[in-house]
Amino acid sequence: MDICGTDLGTMTELNGRIYFAFGDTFGYDGDSCRGVGGPNWRSNTFASTAELNPTQGIKLTDWRRGTDGRSVAIVQGAHQPAFAGPASEQTKIPTAMVSVGGAIYLHYMSVRGFAPGGGVWECNYSKWVYSDDRGQTWHECEVPFGGATSNFNMLALTDSAVPDNPAGEYVYALGTPCGRFGAARLGRVPKEKLLDPVMWQYLTEPENKPSNWSKSFEQAIDVIPAPVGEASVLWNPGLQRWMYTYLNEQTASLELREAEHLWGPWTNPHTLATARDYPQLYGAFMTPSFLKNNGQTLFFVMSQYGPYNTFVMKAELSFTKE
């Protein structure tokens, strides 16, 4: 696969497998691994596993590969210098995935450039790509989902049929702007209309009422306060609560908030991991099969920029009412 360094690792599940989409991926330089800046730069890579118990780690198989056997991108970025022009592109980064009707839908952001300051980058737009053959071939939706300043250029997605979505009618998205300093806002769309940005609705008041949803994403309200970095959302059936995980750049920690409803109110953050213990950490991606012990044990995927790789982490959860 020629993968010595990668990051992120957003997940979705389909037919007994977990599918992973990683971010910028680099290959080996001979026998050495330089990570960021190494050869064979792919903007993203894709693999899956049938192992649903991460206790001993996860072995990834079924990588999306080229004819030479090396892993290839789902959709490749232009790899231009950062901020080279008004619409230049450094890379294309997956932000979230969801499975609907036997197909895998992946949302990505087109990154114009990463700024020298930590957690700051600019986007051109965001788009959807989808696969109906378990990730081997992909089709791109030509209509952008988010523009350069959209609060929905980075997503945490769920279609769980739970009290907030009893018939499983909607895909919900907690969205943030590009970078790690925005707040999370809530959108939703009927599953069969996922690729049509006109059919999306956005929460405009802190209650789930028909009158509180608008077709205008500009009217969406904050449901989780800034700062929020790369995020993930998951219903915990054992605890009967939503969990939302993300990087807080200001506290240099991965945090978890929980709530009875996607629209909140969300609790104050619980700390999952800190940069003191795991320098340059980010990303805390969850998936249903990584919940164990009736929802009290959570496995998640964390990245570290220094070693530039992803790691399976374990947290024991104990929630109390606030």
Protein backbone atom coordinates (compact mmCIF):
# COMPACT_ATOMS: atom_id res chain seq x y z
CA MET A 1 0.00 0.00 0.00
CA ASP A 2 3.02 2.31 0.46
CA ILE A 3 1.56 3.97 3.55
CA CYS A 4 3.97 5.12 6.24
CA GLY A 5 2.10 8.18 7.47
CA THR A 6 -1.53 9.30 7.44
CA ASP A 7 -4.12 10.99 9.64
CA LEU A 8 -7.81 11.34 10.57
CA GLY A 9 -9.71 8.10 9.90
CA THR A 10 -13.39 8.97 9.73
CA MET A 11 -15.54 5.82 9.64
CA THR A 12 -18.84 4.34 8.50
CA GLU A 13 -20.26 0.82 8.73
CA LEU A 14 -21.93 -1.28 6.05
CA ASN A 15 -22.79 -4.99 5.90
CA GLY A 16 -20.58 -6.04 8.79
CA ARG A 17 -17.51 -4.00 7.80
CA ILE A 18 -16.04 -0.73 9.02
CA TYR A 19 -14.81 1.61 6.28
CA PHE A 20 -12.10 4.19 6.95
CA ALA A 21 -11.19 7.36 5.04
CA PHE A 22 -7.83 8.89 5.95
CA GLY A 23 -6.40 12.31 5.15
CA ASP A 24 -3.09 13.30 3.54
CA THR A 25 -1.06 10.10 3.15
CA PHE A 26 2.64 9.70 2.37
CA GLY A 27 4.76 6.74 1.27
CA TYR A 28 8.19 5.37 2.11
CA ASP A 29 11.42 7.00 0.98
CA GLY A 30 13.37 3.82 0.44
CA ASP A 31 13.34 2.16 3.82
CA SER A 32 12.73 5.37 5.75
CA CYS A 33 9.46 7.04 6.67
CA ARG A 34 9.50 10.84 6.70
CA GLY A 35 5.75 11.27 7.17
CA VAL A 36 4.61 14.72 6.08
CA GLY A 37 6.64 15.79 3.04
CA GLY A 38 7.49 12.24 2.05
CA PRO A 39 6.97 10.78 -1.43
CA ASN A 40 3.77 9.47 -3.03
CA TRP A 41 1.50 12.13 -1.52
CA ARG A 42 -2.16 11.16 -1.73
CA SER A 43 -4.78 13.57 -0.46
CA ASN A 44 -6.79 10.73 1.03
CA THR A 45 -6.84 6.94 1.21
CA PHE A 46 -9.56 4.37 1.87
CA ALA A 47 -9.65 0.92 3.47
CA SER A 48 -11.92 -1.37 5.49
CA THR A 49 -11.93 -4.15 8.05
CA ALA A 50 -14.24 -6.96 9.16
CA GLU A 51 -12.74 -6.79 12.66
CA LEU A 52 -15.34 -5.20 14.88
CA ASN A 53 -13.45 -5.60 18.15
CA PRO A 54 -10.57 -3.11 18.37
CA THR A 55 -9.18 -4.45 21.65
CA GLN A 56 -6.02 -5.74 19.95
CA GLY A 57 -5.97 -3.10 17.26
CA ILE A 58 -7.43 -3.20 13.76
CA LYS A 59 -6.03 -4.83 10.63
CA LEU A 60 -7.10 -2.87 7.57
CA THR A 61 -7.73 -4.70 4.31
CA ASP A 62 -9.38 -3.93 0.95
CA TRP A 63 -7.42 -0.74 0.40
CA ARG A 64 -8.40 1.19 -2.69
CA ARG A 65 -5.36 0.45 -4.85
CA GLY A 66 -3.92 1.32 -8.24
CA THR A 67 -2.57 -1.13 -10.78
CA ASP A 68 0.82 -1.14 -9.01
CA GLY A 69 -0.80 -2.36 -5.80
CA ARG A 70 -0.22 0.92 -3.94
CA SER A 71 -3.08 2.75 -2.26
CA VAL A 72 -4.63 5.53 -4.36
CA ALA A 73 -6.77 8.53 -3.50
CA ILE A 74 -10.55 8.61 -3.69
CA VAL A 75 -10.33 12.12 -5.14
CA GLN A 76 -6.89 13.68 -5.50
CA GLY A 77 -6.06 17.25 -4.55
CA ALA A 78 -4.14 19.57 -6.85
CA HIS A 79 -1.16 19.72 -4.45
CA GLN A 80 -0.40 23.33 -5.27
CA PRO A 81 1.54 25.55 -2.86
CA ALA A 82 -0.56 26.91 -0.02
CA PHE A 83 -2.50 30.07 -0.94
CA ALA A 84 -0.94 30.11 -4.43
CA GLY A 85 -3.97 31.87 -5.87
CA PRO A 86 -7.60 32.82 -5.20
CA ALA A 87 -8.85 29.32 -6.01
CA SER A 88 -5.65 27.30 -5.67
CA GLU A 89 -5.83 23.94 -3.91
CA GLN A 90 -3.36 22.30 -1.61
CA THR A 91 -5.35 19.11 -0.91
CA LYS A 92 -8.75 17.44 -0.50
CA ILE A 93 -9.47 16.12 2.99
CA PRO A 94 -12.30 13.74 4.04
CA THR A 95 -14.35 15.13 6.92
CA ALA A 96 -17.09 12.50 7.40
CA MET A 97 -18.82 9.44 5.95
CA VAL A 98 -22.28 7.89 6.19
CA SER A 99 -23.84 4.79 4.60
CA VAL A 100 -27.29 5.09 3.05
CA GLY A 101 -29.13 2.45 1.04
CA GLY A 102 -26.07 0.27 0.51
CA ALA A 103 -23.92 3.18 -0.72
CA ILE A 104 -21.11 5.03 1.06
CA TYR A 105 -21.23 8.83 1.00
CA LEU A 106 -18.06 10.76 1.81
CA HIS A 107 -17.88 14.51 2.42
CA TYR A 108 -14.59 16.29 1.72
CA MET A 109 -13.22 19.82 1.92
CA SER A 110 -11.04 21.44 -0.74
CA VAL A 111 -8.26 23.12 1.24
CA ARG A 112 -6.75 26.26 -0.26
CA GLY A 113 -3.93 26.23 2.25
CA PHE A 114 -2.87 25.46 5.81
CA ALA A 115 -1.61 28.54 7.63
CA PRO A 116 1.56 28.41 9.77
CA GLY A 117 -0.53 28.97 12.90
CA GLY A 118 -1.94 25.75 14.34
CA GLY A 119 -5.53 24.88 13.49
CA VAL A 120 -5.98 27.55 10.81
CA TRP A 121 -6.74 26.78 7.18
CA GLU A 122 -8.89 28.11 4.36
CA CYS A 123 -11.20 26.19 2.05
CA ASN A 124 -12.47 26.67 -1.49
CA TYR A 125 -15.62 24.55 -1.05
CA SER A 126 -16.82 21.16 0.16
CA LYS A 127 -18.41 18.37 -1.89
CA TRP A 128 -19.81 14.86 -1.73
CA VAL A 129 -18.51 11.74 -3.42
CA TYR A 130 -20.25 8.36 -3.21
CA SER A 131 -19.58 4.70 -3.94
CA ASP A 132 -22.02 1.85 -4.49
CA ASP A 133 -19.34 -0.85 -4.73
CA ARG A 134 -17.84 -0.63 -1.22
CA GLY A 135 -15.38 2.10 -2.08
CA GLN A 136 -13.62 0.75 -5.13
CA THR A 137 -15.07 3.32 -7.54
CA TRP A 138 -16.39 6.76 -6.66
CA HIS A 139 -18.72 9.29 -8.24
CA GLU A 140 -18.47 13.00 -7.48
CA CYS A 141 -21.45 15.27 -6.98
CA GLU A 142 -20.68 18.27 -9.17
CA VAL A 143 -22.70 20.71 -7.06
CA PRO A 144 -20.65 22.02 -4.10
CA PHE A 145 -22.21 21.51 -0.70
CA GLY A 146 -20.44 24.35 1.11
CA GLY A 147 -18.73 27.52 -0.06
CA ALA A 148 -15.48 29.00 1.22
CA THR A 149 -17.07 30.48 4.37
CA SER A 150 -19.74 27.86 5.05
CA ASN A 151 -20.23 26.58 8.59
CA PHE A 152 -20.81 23.15 7.02
CA ASN A 153 -17.45 22.53 5.35
CA MET A 154 -16.51 20.00 8.04
CA LEU A 155 -19.17 17.55 9.21
CA ALA A 156 -20.00 14.94 11.81
CA LEU A 157 -22.72 12.71 10.32
CA THR A 158 -25.34 10.30 11.64
CA ASP A 159 -28.42 8.55 10.27
CA SER A 160 -29.13 6.47 13.39
CA ALA A 161 -32.79 5.53 13.87
CA VAL A 162 -33.05 6.77 17.46
CA PRO A 163 -35.51 9.00 19.37
CA ASP A 164 -34.36 12.11 17.48
CA ASN A 165 -34.80 10.28 14.16
CA PRO A 166 -37.24 7.43 14.94
CA ALA A 167 -37.99 6.40 11.37
CA GLY A 168 -34.41 6.86 10.25
CA GLU A 169 -35.74 9.42 7.78
CA TYR A 170 -32.93 11.96 8.02
CA VAL A 171 -29.17 12.24 7.84
CA TYR A 172 -28.11 14.78 10.46
CA ALA A 173 -24.90 16.83 10.29
CA LEU A 174 -23.16 18.81 12.99
CA GLY A 175 -21.13 21.23 10.88
CA THR A 176 -18.18 23.53 11.51
CA PRO A 177 -16.25 25.94 9.29
CA CYS A 178 -12.78 25.09 7.99
CA GLY A 179 -10.17 25.25 10.72
CA ARG A 180 -10.51 24.47 14.40
CA PHE A 181 -11.97 27.63 15.88
CA GLY A 182 -15.63 27.63 14.83
CA ALA A 183 -18.81 26.46 16.59
CA ALA A 184 -20.96 23.47 15.60
CA ARG A 185 -24.35 24.00 13.98
CA LEU A 186 -27.02 21.45 13.07
CA GLY A 187 -28.40 20.50 9.67
CA ARG A 188 -30.48 17.62 8.33
CA VAL A 189 -31.73 16.22 5.04
CA PRO A 190 -34.03 13.36 3.98
CA LYS A 191 -31.77 10.41 3.24
CA GLU A 192 -32.81 10.09 -0.38
CA LYS A 193 -31.97 13.77 -0.98
CA LEU A 194 -28.53 13.76 0.64
CA LEU A 195 -26.71 15.10 -2.44
CA ASP A 196 -29.16 17.94 -3.08
CA PRO A 197 -28.07 21.02 -1.09
CA VAL A 198 -31.46 22.65 -1.70
CA MET A 199 -33.17 19.94 0.38
CA TRP A 200 -31.08 20.52 3.48
CA GLN A 201 -32.58 22.26 6.53
CA TYR A 202 -30.76 24.07 9.33
CA LEU A 203 -31.76 24.58 12.95
CA THR A 204 -32.50 28.24 13.72
CA GLU A 205 -33.83 27.96 17.30
CA PRO A 206 -32.71 25.68 20.15
CA GLU A 207 -35.73 23.38 19.84
CA ASN A 208 -36.85 20.72 17.37
CA LYS A 209 -39.99 22.33 15.95
CA PRO A 210 -40.98 22.48 12.25
CA SER A 211 -40.89 26.27 12.38
CA ASN A 212 -37.34 26.23 13.72
CA TRP A 213 -35.76 24.73 10.60
CA SER A 214 -34.71 26.86 7.62
CA LYS A 215 -33.37 26.15 4.12
CA SER A 216 -30.76 28.87 4.73
CA PHE A 217 -27.56 27.67 6.39
CA GLU A 218 -26.72 31.30 7.21
CA GLN A 219 -29.58 31.26 9.75
CA ALA A 220 -28.28 28.23 11.64
CA ILE A 221 -27.50 28.76 15.31
CA ASP A 222 -24.61 27.44 17.37
CA VAL A 223 -25.49 24.26 19.26
CA ILE A 224 -21.95 23.54 20.53
CA PRO A 225 -19.71 26.53 21.28
CA ALA A 226 -16.36 27.22 19.67
CA PRO A 227 -13.65 26.11 19.40
CA VAL A 228 -14.39 22.81 17.66
CA GLY A 229 -11.86 20.90 15.55
CA GLU A 230 -12.30 17.70 13.52
CA ALA A 231 -15.40 16.09 15.03
CA SER A 232 -17.50 12.94 15.21
CA VAL A 233 -21.01 12.18 16.55
CA LEU A 234 -22.47 8.89 17.80
CA TRP A 235 -25.59 7.68 19.60
CA ASN A 236 -24.73 5.62 22.67
CA PRO A 237 -27.63 3.14 23.10
CA GLY A 238 -26.42 1.90 26.46
CA LEU A 239 -26.35 5.37 27.95
CA GLN A 240 -29.22 6.68 25.79
CA ARG A 241 -27.19 9.79 24.99
CA TRP A 242 -25.50 11.41 22.00
CA MET A 243 -21.72 11.78 22.17
CA TYR A 244 -19.78 14.42 20.25
CA THR A 245 -15.98 14.28 20.14
CA TYR A 246 -13.60 16.93 18.81
CA LEU A 247 -10.30 18.74 19.31
CA ASN A 248 -10.32 21.86 21.44
CA GLU A 249 -7.29 23.76 20.14
CA GLN A 250 -7.37 26.18 23.07
CA THR A 251 -7.15 23.49 25.76
CA ALA A 252 -4.99 21.23 23.56
CA SER A 253 -7.23 18.28 24.32
CA LEU A 254 -9.71 15.91 22.75
CA GLU A 255 -13.08 16.54 24.37
CA LEU A 256 -16.41 14.74 24.56
CA ARG A 257 -19.79 16.37 25.12
CA GLU A 258 -23.06 14.49 25.52
CA ALA A 259 -26.73 15.31 25.15
CA GLU A 260 -30.17 13.75 25.06
CA HIS A 261 -30.88 15.44 21.72
CA LEU A 262 -28.71 16.51 18.79
CA TRP A 263 -29.96 20.08 19.20
CA GLY A 264 -28.85 20.08 22.82
CA PRO A 265 -28.43 21.25 25.38
CA TRP A 266 -24.96 19.69 25.32
CA THR A 267 -23.01 19.21 28.53
CA ASN A 268 -19.77 20.83 29.46
CA PRO A 269 -16.82 18.95 27.93
CA HIS A 270 -15.25 15.81 29.35
CA THR A 271 -11.54 15.36 28.57
CA LEU A 272 -10.65 12.28 26.51
CA ALA A 273 -6.93 12.90 25.94
CA THR A 274 -4.49 15.80 26.27
CA ALA A 275 -1.50 17.06 24.32
CA ARG A 276 0.49 16.74 27.52
CA ASP A 277 0.22 12.96 27.16
CA TYR A 278 -0.11 12.81 23.36
CA PRO A 279 1.66 15.82 21.77
CA GLN A 280 0.04 17.37 18.70
CA LEU A 281 -3.08 15.22 19.00
CA TYR A 282 -6.25 15.79 16.96
CA GLY A 283 -9.30 13.94 15.67
CA ALA A 284 -11.43 11.62 17.78
CA PHE A 285 -13.49 9.55 15.35
CA MET A 286 -16.16 7.13 16.56
CA THR A 287 -18.24 4.32 15.04
CA PRO A 288 -21.01 2.12 16.57
CA SER A 289 -18.95 -1.10 16.72
CA PHE A 290 -16.28 0.68 18.77
CA LEU A 291 -18.74 0.98 21.66
CA LYS A 292 -18.42 -1.90 24.14
CA ASN A 293 -19.61 -2.82 27.65
CA ASN A 294 -23.14 -1.46 27.14
CA GLY A 295 -21.77 1.88 26.00
CA GLN A 296 -19.39 2.40 28.90
CA THR A 297 -16.23 1.61 26.90
CA LEU A 298 -15.41 3.74 23.87
CA PHE A 299 -12.70 3.01 21.34
CA PHE A 300 -11.89 5.87 18.97
CA VAL A 301 -9.33 6.83 16.32
CA MET A 302 -6.89 9.62 17.25
CA SER A 303 -4.17 11.29 15.16
CA GLN A 304 -0.82 12.77 16.18
CA TYR A 305 0.98 15.15 13.87
CA GLY A 306 4.53 14.46 15.13
CA PRO A 307 4.62 10.73 14.34
CA TYR A 308 1.99 11.54 11.70
CA ASN A 309 -0.16 8.49 12.16
CA THR A 310 -3.47 7.29 13.58
CA PHE A 311 -3.99 5.27 16.73
CA VAL A 312 -6.84 3.27 18.26
CA MET A 313 -7.57 4.70 21.71
CA LYS A 314 -9.74 3.46 24.57
CA ALA A 315 -11.80 5.46 27.08
CA GLU A 316 -13.94 4.30 29.98
CA LEU A 317 -17.06 6.47 30.27
CA SER A 318 -18.89 7.47 33.41
CA PHE A 319 -21.48 10.21 32.88
CA THR A 320 -23.28 12.10 35.59
CA LYS A 321 -26.15 14.56 35.10
CA GLU A 322 -25.15 18.23 35.09
